[in-house]
Amino acid sequence: MSYESSPQLKPHRAKPSTAEVNEMKAEYDLSKTKSRQDPYASKPKKPVTVRLSEDVVQYFKDMAAEAGVAYQTFINRYLRDCLAQNRKVEIKWPSAV
């Protein structure tokens, strides 16, 4: 399977050379920065199985590609925004005839 045929695969990145690492260390002195706790460490993600329509998945994949993130990450961020905004879905079922 090639990288082009699967958007989930990421290209392999070679490790930077010692010279590149030393150059980065000289440019960015992080010795005086304060450490902080990872804000997402207390919010582990739970794997779930959800059956979605193909057009719904494609819609989110397209939006995720525009944003430059994985589609599952995009869906999670979208749902997190719904949670933060306390959005409620209004479902109106068709009336019986």
PDB file of N, CA and C in Angstrom:
ATOM      1  N   MET A   1       0.856  -1.179   0.000  1.00  0.00           N
ATOM      2  CA  MET A   1       0.000   0.000   0.000  1.00  0.00           C
ATOM      3  C   MET A   1       0.899   1.238   0.000  1.00  0.00           C
ATOM      4  N   SER A   2       0.644   2.137  -0.903  1.00  0.00           N
ATOM      5  CA  SER A   2       1.475   3.332  -0.980  1.00  0.00           C
ATOM      6  C   SER A   2       0.918   4.438  -0.092  1.00  0.00           C
ATOM      7  N   TYR A   3       1.756   5.416   0.201  1.00  0.00           N
ATOM      8  CA  TYR A   3       1.352   6.543   1.034  1.00  0.00           C
ATOM      9  C   TYR A   3       0.200   7.296   0.389  1.00  0.00           C
ATOM     10  N   GLU A   4       0.236   7.431  -0.946  1.00  0.00           N
ATOM     11  CA  GLU A   4      -0.793   8.194  -1.646  1.00  0.00           C
ATOM     12  C   GLU A   4      -2.158   7.521  -1.528  1.00  0.00           C
ATOM     13  N   SER A   5      -2.193   6.186  -1.466  1.00  0.00           N
ATOM     14  CA  SER A   5      -3.474   5.496  -1.433  1.00  0.00           C
ATOM     15  C   SER A   5      -4.069   5.420  -0.034  1.00  0.00           C
ATOM     16  N   SER A   6      -3.295   5.764   0.995  1.00  0.00           N
ATOM     17  CA  SER A   6      -3.818   5.697   2.357  1.00  0.00           C
ATOM     18  C   SER A   6      -3.455   6.968   3.115  1.00  0.00           C
ATOM     19  N   PRO A   7      -4.443   7.868   3.333  1.00  0.00           N
ATOM     20  CA  PRO A   7      -4.138   9.118   4.033  1.00  0.00           C
ATOM     21  C   PRO A   7      -3.792   8.902   5.501  1.00  0.00           C
ATOM     22  N   GLN A   8      -4.015   7.690   6.026  1.00  0.00           N
ATOM     23  CA  GLN A   8      -3.716   7.434   7.427  1.00  0.00           C
ATOM     24  C   GLN A   8      -2.232   7.184   7.654  1.00  0.00           C
ATOM     25  N   LEU A   9      -1.498   6.782   6.606  1.00  0.00           N
ATOM     26  CA  LEU A   9      -0.071   6.536   6.752  1.00  0.00           C
ATOM     27  C   LEU A   9       0.689   7.838   6.628  1.00  0.00           C
ATOM     28  N   LYS A  10       1.698   8.002   7.458  1.00  0.00           N
ATOM     29  CA  LYS A  10       2.491   9.213   7.425  1.00  0.00           C
ATOM     30  C   LYS A  10       3.877   8.884   6.891  1.00  0.00           C
ATOM     31  N   PRO A  11       4.481   9.792   6.135  1.00  0.00           N
ATOM     32  CA  PRO A  11       5.807   9.499   5.602  1.00  0.00           C
ATOM     33  C   PRO A  11       6.827   9.388   6.729  1.00  0.00           C
ATOM     34  N   HIS A  12       7.814   8.524   6.526  1.00  0.00           N
ATOM     35  CA  HIS A  12       8.872   8.338   7.518  1.00  0.00           C
ATOM     36  C   HIS A  12       9.793   9.548   7.499  1.00  0.00           C
ATOM     37  N   ARG A  13      10.090  10.068   8.665  1.00  0.00           N
ATOM     38  CA  ARG A  13      11.022  11.199   8.767  1.00  0.00           C
ATOM     39  C   ARG A  13      12.334  10.686   9.320  1.00  0.00           C
ATOM     40  N   ALA A  14      13.410  11.024   8.654  1.00  0.00           N
ATOM     41  CA  ALA A  14      14.727  10.622   9.121  1.00  0.00           C
ATOM     42  C   ALA A  14      15.104  11.434  10.350  1.00  0.00           C
ATOM     43  N   LYS A  15      15.885  10.830  11.236  1.00  0.00           N
ATOM     44  CA  LYS A  15      16.335  11.546  12.426  1.00  0.00           C
ATOM     45  C   LYS A  15      17.266  12.673  11.993  1.00  0.00           C
ATOM     46  N   PRO A  16      17.201  13.821  12.681  1.00  0.00           N
ATOM     47  CA  PRO A  16      18.102  14.918  12.338  1.00  0.00           C
ATOM     48  C   PRO A  16      19.546  14.540  12.684  1.00  0.00           C
ATOM     49  N   SER A  17      20.460  15.093  11.941  1.00  0.00           N
ATOM     50  CA  SER A  17      21.873  14.820  12.203  1.00  0.00           C
ATOM     51  C   SER A  17      22.298  15.522  13.488  1.00  0.00           C
ATOM     52  N   THR A  18      23.441  15.131  14.024  1.00  0.00           N
ATOM     53  CA  THR A  18      23.973  15.753  15.239  1.00  0.00           C
ATOM     54  C   THR A  18      24.202  17.239  15.026  1.00  0.00           C
ATOM     55  N   ALA A  19      24.680  17.608  13.844  1.00  0.00           N
ATOM     56  CA  ALA A  19      24.914  19.025  13.538  1.00  0.00           C
ATOM     57  C   ALA A  19      23.600  19.808  13.564  1.00  0.00           C
ATOM     58  N   GLU A  20      22.537  19.212  13.013  1.00  0.00           N
ATOM     59  CA  GLU A  20      21.231  19.877  13.016  1.00  0.00           C
ATOM     60  C   GLU A  20      20.702  20.036  14.433  1.00  0.00           C
ATOM     61  N   VAL A  21      20.889  19.013  15.260  1.00  0.00           N
ATOM     62  CA  VAL A  21      20.442  19.075  16.649  1.00  0.00           C
ATOM     63  C   VAL A  21      21.195  20.155  17.399  1.00  0.00           C
ATOM     64  N   ASN A  22      22.499  20.216  17.224  1.00  0.00           N
ATOM     65  CA  ASN A  22      23.305  21.241  17.899  1.00  0.00           C
ATOM     66  C   ASN A  22      22.919  22.640  17.439  1.00  0.00           C
ATOM     67  N   GLU A  23      22.608  22.782  16.157  1.00  0.00           N
ATOM     68  CA  GLU A  23      22.177  24.076  15.628  1.00  0.00           C
ATOM     69  C   GLU A  23      20.852  24.495  16.258  1.00  0.00           C
ATOM     70  N   MET A  24      19.922  23.535  16.409  1.00  0.00           N
ATOM     71  CA  MET A  24      18.638  23.841  17.031  1.00  0.00           C
ATOM     72  C   MET A  24      18.821  24.194  18.498  1.00  0.00           C
ATOM     73  N   LYS A  25      19.700  23.466  19.191  1.00  0.00           N
ATOM     74  CA  LYS A  25      19.949  23.749  20.605  1.00  0.00           C
ATOM     75  C   LYS A  25      20.509  25.147  20.787  1.00  0.00           C
ATOM     76  N   ALA A  26      21.384  25.563  19.888  1.00  0.00           N
ATOM     77  CA  ALA A  26      21.970  26.907  19.981  1.00  0.00           C
ATOM     78  C   ALA A  26      20.916  27.977  19.709  1.00  0.00           C
ATOM     79  N   GLU A  27      20.021  27.699  18.781  1.00  0.00           N
ATOM     80  CA  GLU A  27      19.006  28.687  18.413  1.00  0.00           C
ATOM     81  C   GLU A  27      17.896  28.784  19.451  1.00  0.00           C
ATOM     82  N   TYR A  28      17.516  27.669  20.044  1.00  0.00           N
ATOM     83  CA  TYR A  28      16.425  27.645  21.010  1.00  0.00           C
ATOM     84  C   TYR A  28      16.946  27.188  22.367  1.00  0.00           C
ATOM     85  N   ASP A  29      17.150  28.128  23.265  1.00  0.00           N
ATOM     86  CA  ASP A  29      17.617  27.795  24.606  1.00  0.00           C
ATOM     87  C   ASP A  29      16.403  27.550  25.483  1.00  0.00           C
ATOM     88  N   LEU A  30      16.108  26.291  25.741  1.00  0.00           N
ATOM     89  CA  LEU A  30      14.937  25.925  26.530  1.00  0.00           C
ATOM     90  C   LEU A  30      15.279  25.669  27.994  1.00  0.00           C
ATOM     91  N   SER A  31      16.500  25.945  28.369  1.00  0.00           N
ATOM     92  CA  SER A  31      16.933  25.634  29.737  1.00  0.00           C
ATOM     93  C   SER A  31      16.224  26.496  30.782  1.00  0.00           C
ATOM     94  N   LYS A  32      15.709  27.640  30.384  1.00  0.00           N
ATOM     95  CA  LYS A  32      15.059  28.538  31.347  1.00  0.00           C
ATOM     96  C   LYS A  32      13.536  28.447  31.312  1.00  0.00           C
ATOM     97  N   THR A  33      13.021  27.574  30.500  1.00  0.00           N
ATOM     98  CA  THR A  33      11.561  27.450  30.436  1.00  0.00           C
ATOM     99  C   THR A  33      11.050  26.610  31.595  1.00  0.00           C
ATOM    100  N   LYS A  34       9.825  26.905  31.996  1.00  0.00           N
ATOM    101  CA  LYS A  34       9.197  26.157  33.079  1.00  0.00           C
ATOM    102  C   LYS A  34       8.412  24.991  32.492  1.00  0.00           C
ATOM    103  N   SER A  35       8.504  23.864  33.164  1.00  0.00           N
ATOM    104  CA  SER A  35       7.727  22.723  32.694  1.00  0.00           C
ATOM    105  C   SER A  35       6.281  22.884  33.158  1.00  0.00           C
ATOM    106  N   ARG A  36       5.386  22.260  32.436  1.00  0.00           N
ATOM    107  CA  ARG A  36       3.981  22.307  32.821  1.00  0.00           C
ATOM    108  C   ARG A  36       3.353  20.954  32.523  1.00  0.00           C
ATOM    109  N   GLN A  37       2.281  20.699  33.178  1.00  0.00           N
ATOM    110  CA  GLN A  37       1.588  19.441  33.021  1.00  0.00           C
ATOM    111  C   GLN A  37       0.840  19.410  31.688  1.00  0.00           C
ATOM    112  N   ASP A  38       0.819  18.270  31.069  1.00  0.00           N
ATOM    113  CA  ASP A  38       0.082  18.092  29.825  1.00  0.00           C
ATOM    114  C   ASP A  38      -1.414  18.214  30.121  1.00  0.00           C
ATOM    115  N   PRO A  39      -2.116  19.200  29.526  1.00  0.00           N
ATOM    116  CA  PRO A  39      -3.536  19.398  29.848  1.00  0.00           C
ATOM    117  C   PRO A  39      -4.426  18.260  29.360  1.00  0.00           C
ATOM    118  N   TYR A  40      -3.930  17.434  28.430  1.00  0.00           N
ATOM    119  CA  TYR A  40      -4.735  16.354  27.899  1.00  0.00           C
ATOM    120  C   TYR A  40      -4.429  15.012  28.559  1.00  0.00           C
ATOM    121  N   ALA A  41      -3.441  14.974  29.454  1.00  0.00           N
ATOM    122  CA  ALA A  41      -3.062  13.718  30.092  1.00  0.00           C
ATOM    123  C   ALA A  41      -4.201  13.161  30.937  1.00  0.00           C
ATOM    124  N   SER A  42      -5.015  14.021  31.516  1.00  0.00           N
ATOM    125  CA  SER A  42      -6.115  13.546  32.349  1.00  0.00           C
ATOM    126  C   SER A  42      -7.365  13.229  31.530  1.00  0.00           C
ATOM    127  N   LYS A  43      -7.292  13.423  30.221  1.00  0.00           N
ATOM    128  CA  LYS A  43      -8.446  13.168  29.353  1.00  0.00           C
ATOM    129  C   LYS A  43      -8.084  12.125  28.302  1.00  0.00           C
ATOM    130  N   PRO A  44      -7.886  10.877  28.720  1.00  0.00           N
ATOM    131  CA  PRO A  44      -7.535   9.869  27.719  1.00  0.00           C
ATOM    132  C   PRO A  44      -8.698   9.629  26.760  1.00  0.00           C
ATOM    133  N   LYS A  45      -8.376   9.255  25.550  1.00  0.00           N
ATOM    134  CA  LYS A  45      -9.422   8.981  24.573  1.00  0.00           C
ATOM    135  C   LYS A  45      -9.844   7.528  24.683  1.00  0.00           C
ATOM    136  N   LYS A  46     -11.123   7.309  24.478  1.00  0.00           N
ATOM    137  CA  LYS A  46     -11.684   5.974  24.566  1.00  0.00           C
ATOM    138  C   LYS A  46     -12.014   5.493  23.160  1.00  0.00           C
ATOM    139  N   PRO A  47     -11.487   4.340  22.777  1.00  0.00           N
ATOM    140  CA  PRO A  47     -11.834   3.834  21.446  1.00  0.00           C
ATOM    141  C   PRO A  47     -13.290   3.378  21.411  1.00  0.00           C
ATOM    142  N   VAL A  48     -13.999   3.792  20.377  1.00  0.00           N
ATOM    143  CA  VAL A  48     -15.393   3.394  20.205  1.00  0.00           C
ATOM    144  C   VAL A  48     -15.610   2.980  18.750  1.00  0.00           C
ATOM    145  N   THR A  49     -16.651   2.216  18.527  1.00  0.00           N
ATOM    146  CA  THR A  49     -17.038   1.847  17.173  1.00  0.00           C
ATOM    147  C   THR A  49     -18.351   2.551  16.877  1.00  0.00           C
ATOM    148  N   VAL A  50     -18.366   3.324  15.803  1.00  0.00           N
ATOM    149  CA  VAL A  50     -19.565   4.062  15.406  1.00  0.00           C
ATOM    150  C   VAL A  50     -19.799   3.786  13.934  1.00  0.00           C
ATOM    151  N   ARG A  51     -21.019   3.454  13.598  1.00  0.00           N
ATOM    152  CA  ARG A  51     -21.360   3.217  12.198  1.00  0.00           C
ATOM    153  C   ARG A  51     -21.932   4.510  11.621  1.00  0.00           C
ATOM    154  N   LEU A  52     -21.247   5.041  10.623  1.00  0.00           N
ATOM    155  CA  LEU A  52     -21.647   6.296   9.998  1.00  0.00           C
ATOM    156  C   LEU A  52     -21.858   6.090   8.507  1.00  0.00           C
ATOM    157  N   SER A  53     -22.707   6.908   7.924  1.00  0.00           N
ATOM    158  CA  SER A  53     -22.934   6.855   6.476  1.00  0.00           C
ATOM    159  C   SER A  53     -21.659   7.279   5.755  1.00  0.00           C
ATOM    160  N   GLU A  54     -21.443   6.699   4.578  1.00  0.00           N
ATOM    161  CA  GLU A  54     -20.237   7.008   3.810  1.00  0.00           C
ATOM    162  C   GLU A  54     -20.121   8.491   3.500  1.00  0.00           C
ATOM    163  N   ASP A  55     -21.255   9.131   3.165  1.00  0.00           N
ATOM    164  CA  ASP A  55     -21.197  10.548   2.821  1.00  0.00           C
ATOM    165  C   ASP A  55     -20.831  11.408   4.030  1.00  0.00           C
ATOM    166  N   VAL A  56     -21.228  10.982   5.224  1.00  0.00           N
ATOM    167  CA  VAL A  56     -20.885  11.713   6.447  1.00  0.00           C
ATOM    168  C   VAL A  56     -19.377  11.604   6.701  1.00  0.00           C
ATOM    169  N   VAL A  57     -18.850  10.394   6.571  1.00  0.00           N
ATOM    170  CA  VAL A  57     -17.414  10.187   6.772  1.00  0.00           C
ATOM    171  C   VAL A  57     -16.627  11.000   5.754  1.00  0.00           C
ATOM    172  N   GLN A  58     -17.056  10.969   4.493  1.00  0.00           N
ATOM    173  CA  GLN A  58     -16.346  11.720   3.453  1.00  0.00           C
ATOM    174  C   GLN A  58     -16.389  13.219   3.718  1.00  0.00           C
ATOM    175  N   TYR A  59     -17.514  13.714   4.202  1.00  0.00           N
ATOM    176  CA  TYR A  59     -17.653  15.130   4.541  1.00  0.00           C
ATOM    177  C   TYR A  59     -16.595  15.539   5.568  1.00  0.00           C
ATOM    178  N   PHE A  60     -16.470  14.738   6.630  1.00  0.00           N
ATOM    179  CA  PHE A  60     -15.495  15.060   7.672  1.00  0.00           C
ATOM    180  C   PHE A  60     -14.059  14.846   7.185  1.00  0.00           C
ATOM    181  N   LYS A  61     -13.837  13.843   6.347  1.00  0.00           N
ATOM    182  CA  LYS A  61     -12.492  13.640   5.796  1.00  0.00           C
ATOM    183  C   LYS A  61     -12.077  14.835   4.946  1.00  0.00           C
ATOM    184  N   ASP A  62     -12.995  15.351   4.148  1.00  0.00           N
ATOM    185  CA  ASP A  62     -12.697  16.520   3.304  1.00  0.00           C
ATOM    186  C   ASP A  62     -12.378  17.745   4.165  1.00  0.00           C
ATOM    187  N   MET A  63     -13.188  17.980   5.193  1.00  0.00           N
ATOM    188  CA  MET A  63     -12.941  19.137   6.066  1.00  0.00           C
ATOM    189  C   MET A  63     -11.635  18.964   6.824  1.00  0.00           C
ATOM    190  N   ALA A  64     -11.340  17.734   7.255  1.00  0.00           N
ATOM    191  CA  ALA A  64     -10.100  17.463   7.971  1.00  0.00           C
ATOM    192  C   ALA A  64      -8.894  17.694   7.069  1.00  0.00           C
ATOM    193  N   ALA A  65      -9.003  17.292   5.816  1.00  0.00           N
ATOM    194  CA  ALA A  65      -7.905  17.497   4.864  1.00  0.00           C
ATOM    195  C   ALA A  65      -7.645  18.986   4.667  1.00  0.00           C
ATOM    196  N   GLU A  66      -8.695  19.787   4.571  1.00  0.00           N
ATOM    197  CA  GLU A  66      -8.533  21.242   4.448  1.00  0.00           C
ATOM    198  C   GLU A  66      -7.841  21.831   5.677  1.00  0.00           C
ATOM    199  N   ALA A  67      -8.170  21.276   6.859  1.00  0.00           N
ATOM    200  CA  ALA A  67      -7.590  21.775   8.109  1.00  0.00           C
ATOM    201  C   ALA A  67      -6.203  21.196   8.365  1.00  0.00           C
ATOM    202  N   GLY A  68      -5.844  20.138   7.627  1.00  0.00           N
ATOM    203  CA  GLY A  68      -4.523  19.531   7.792  1.00  0.00           C
ATOM    204  C   GLY A  68      -4.406  18.633   9.012  1.00  0.00           C
ATOM    205  N   VAL A  69      -5.511  17.998   9.403  1.00  0.00           N
ATOM    206  CA  VAL A  69      -5.486  17.071  10.539  1.00  0.00           C
ATOM    207  C   VAL A  69      -6.146  15.759  10.130  1.00  0.00           C
ATOM    208  N   ALA A  70      -5.914  14.723  10.916  1.00  0.00           N
ATOM    209  CA  ALA A  70      -6.563  13.439  10.670  1.00  0.00           C
ATOM    210  C   ALA A  70      -8.074  13.580  10.895  1.00  0.00           C
ATOM    211  N   TYR A  71      -8.848  12.832  10.127  1.00  0.00           N
ATOM    212  CA  TYR A  71     -10.301  13.016  10.212  1.00  0.00           C
ATOM    213  C   TYR A  71     -10.869  12.616  11.565  1.00  0.00           C
ATOM    214  N   GLN A  72     -10.293  11.609  12.222  1.00  0.00           N
ATOM    215  CA  GLN A  72     -10.803  11.240  13.547  1.00  0.00           C
ATOM    216  C   GLN A  72     -10.516  12.349  14.560  1.00  0.00           C
ATOM    217  N   THR A  73      -9.355  12.977  14.440  1.00  0.00           N
ATOM    218  CA  THR A  73      -9.019  14.113  15.292  1.00  0.00           C
ATOM    219  C   THR A  73      -9.987  15.259  15.022  1.00  0.00           C
ATOM    220  N   PHE A  74     -10.301  15.483  13.748  1.00  0.00           N
ATOM    221  CA  PHE A  74     -11.223  16.554  13.379  1.00  0.00           C
ATOM    222  C   PHE A  74     -12.610  16.302  13.969  1.00  0.00           C
ATOM    223  N   ILE A  75     -13.099  15.063  13.846  1.00  0.00           N
ATOM    224  CA  ILE A  75     -14.416  14.727  14.394  1.00  0.00           C
ATOM    225  C   ILE A  75     -14.413  14.923  15.908  1.00  0.00           C
ATOM    226  N   ASN A  76     -13.329  14.507  16.571  1.00  0.00           N
ATOM    227  CA  ASN A  76     -13.246  14.680  18.026  1.00  0.00           C
ATOM    228  C   ASN A  76     -13.289  16.160  18.402  1.00  0.00           C
ATOM    229  N   ARG A  77     -12.551  16.986  17.652  1.00  0.00           N
ATOM    230  CA  ARG A  77     -12.552  18.434  17.936  1.00  0.00           C
ATOM    231  C   ARG A  77     -13.922  19.042  17.674  1.00  0.00           C
ATOM    232  N   TYR A  78     -14.588  18.592  16.624  1.00  0.00           N
ATOM    233  CA  TYR A  78     -15.936  19.085  16.311  1.00  0.00           C
ATOM    234  C   TYR A  78     -16.895  18.741  17.447  1.00  0.00           C
ATOM    235  N   LEU A  79     -16.853  17.503  17.892  1.00  0.00           N
ATOM    236  CA  LEU A  79     -17.741  17.088  18.986  1.00  0.00           C
ATOM    237  C   LEU A  79     -17.379  17.791  20.292  1.00  0.00           C
ATOM    238  N   ARG A  80     -16.089  18.015  20.526  1.00  0.00           N
ATOM    239  CA  ARG A  80     -15.667  18.746  21.725  1.00  0.00           C
ATOM    240  C   ARG A  80     -16.201  20.180  21.685  1.00  0.00           C
ATOM    241  N   ASP A  81     -16.220  20.796  20.495  1.00  0.00           N
ATOM    242  CA  ASP A  81     -16.772  22.145  20.354  1.00  0.00           C
ATOM    243  C   ASP A  81     -18.274  22.123  20.646  1.00  0.00           C
ATOM    244  N   CYS A  82     -18.973  21.093  20.177  1.00  0.00           N
ATOM    245  CA  CYS A  82     -20.401  20.955  20.495  1.00  0.00           C
ATOM    246  C   CYS A  82     -20.600  20.860  21.998  1.00  0.00           C
ATOM    247  N   LEU A  83     -19.729  20.110  22.658  1.00  0.00           N
ATOM    248  CA  LEU A  83     -19.796  19.969  24.112  1.00  0.00           C
ATOM    249  C   LEU A  83     -19.550  21.312  24.795  1.00  0.00           C
ATOM    250  N   ALA A  84     -18.523  22.022  24.360  1.00  0.00           N
ATOM    251  CA  ALA A  84     -18.180  23.310  24.974  1.00  0.00           C
ATOM    252  C   ALA A  84     -19.288  24.349  24.776  1.00  0.00           C
ATOM    253  N   GLN A  85     -19.954  24.299  23.620  1.00  0.00           N
ATOM    254  CA  GLN A  85     -21.026  25.257  23.316  1.00  0.00           C
ATOM    255  C   GLN A  85     -22.391  24.774  23.805  1.00  0.00           C
ATOM    256  N   ASN A  86     -22.419  23.600  24.409  1.00  0.00           N
ATOM    257  CA  ASN A  86     -23.653  23.007  24.922  1.00  0.00           C
ATOM    258  C   ASN A  86     -24.734  22.934  23.838  1.00  0.00           C
ATOM    259  N   ARG A  87     -24.314  22.522  22.628  1.00  0.00           N
ATOM    260  CA  ARG A  87     -25.258  22.417  21.514  1.00  0.00           C
ATOM    261  C   ARG A  87     -26.162  21.210  21.700  1.00  0.00           C
ATOM    262  N   LYS A  88     -27.403  21.401  21.381  1.00  0.00           N
ATOM    263  CA  LYS A  88     -28.399  20.328  21.422  1.00  0.00           C
ATOM    264  C   LYS A  88     -28.916  20.109  20.006  1.00  0.00           C
ATOM    265  N   VAL A  89     -29.138  18.870  19.655  1.00  0.00           N
ATOM    266  CA  VAL A  89     -29.651  18.534  18.330  1.00  0.00           C
ATOM    267  C   VAL A  89     -31.171  18.488  18.390  1.00  0.00           C
ATOM    268  N   GLU A  90     -31.803  19.151  17.460  1.00  0.00           N
ATOM    269  CA  GLU A  90     -33.259  19.088  17.363  1.00  0.00           C
ATOM    270  C   GLU A  90     -33.603  18.084  16.283  1.00  0.00           C
ATOM    271  N   ILE A  91     -34.215  17.002  16.673  1.00  0.00           N
ATOM    272  CA  ILE A  91     -34.608  15.983  15.716  1.00  0.00           C
ATOM    273  C   ILE A  91     -36.122  16.041  15.569  1.00  0.00           C
ATOM    274  N   LYS A  92     -36.561  16.266  14.358  1.00  0.00           N
ATOM    275  CA  LYS A  92     -37.992  16.311  14.063  1.00  0.00           C
ATOM    276  C   LYS A  92     -38.313  15.144  13.160  1.00  0.00           C
ATOM    277  N   TRP A  93     -39.019  14.173  13.708  1.00  0.00           N
ATOM    278  CA  TRP A  93     -39.391  13.014  12.942  1.00  0.00           C
ATOM    279  C   TRP A  93     -40.602  13.367  12.082  1.00  0.00           C
ATOM    280  N   PRO A  94     -40.649  12.795  10.889  1.00  0.00           N
ATOM    281  CA  PRO A  94     -41.819  13.070  10.035  1.00  0.00           C
ATOM    282  C   PRO A  94     -43.087  12.553  10.702  1.00  0.00           C
ATOM    283  N   SER A  95     -44.156  13.314  10.587  1.00  0.00           N
ATOM    284  CA  SER A  95     -45.417  12.895  11.212  1.00  0.00           C
ATOM    285  C   SER A  95     -46.016  11.733  10.438  1.00  0.00           C
ATOM    286  N   ALA A  96     -46.722  10.874  11.163  1.00  0.00           N
ATOM    287  CA  ALA A  96     -47.352   9.715  10.528  1.00  0.00           C
ATOM    288  C   ALA A  96     -48.504  10.165   9.656  1.00  0.00           C
ATOM    289  N   VAL A  97     -48.666   9.532   8.544  1.00  0.00           N
ATOM    290  CA  VAL A  97     -49.732   9.913   7.608  1.00  0.00           C
ATOM    291  C   VAL A  97     -50.979   9.147   7.885  1.00  0.00           C
TER     292      VAL A  97
END
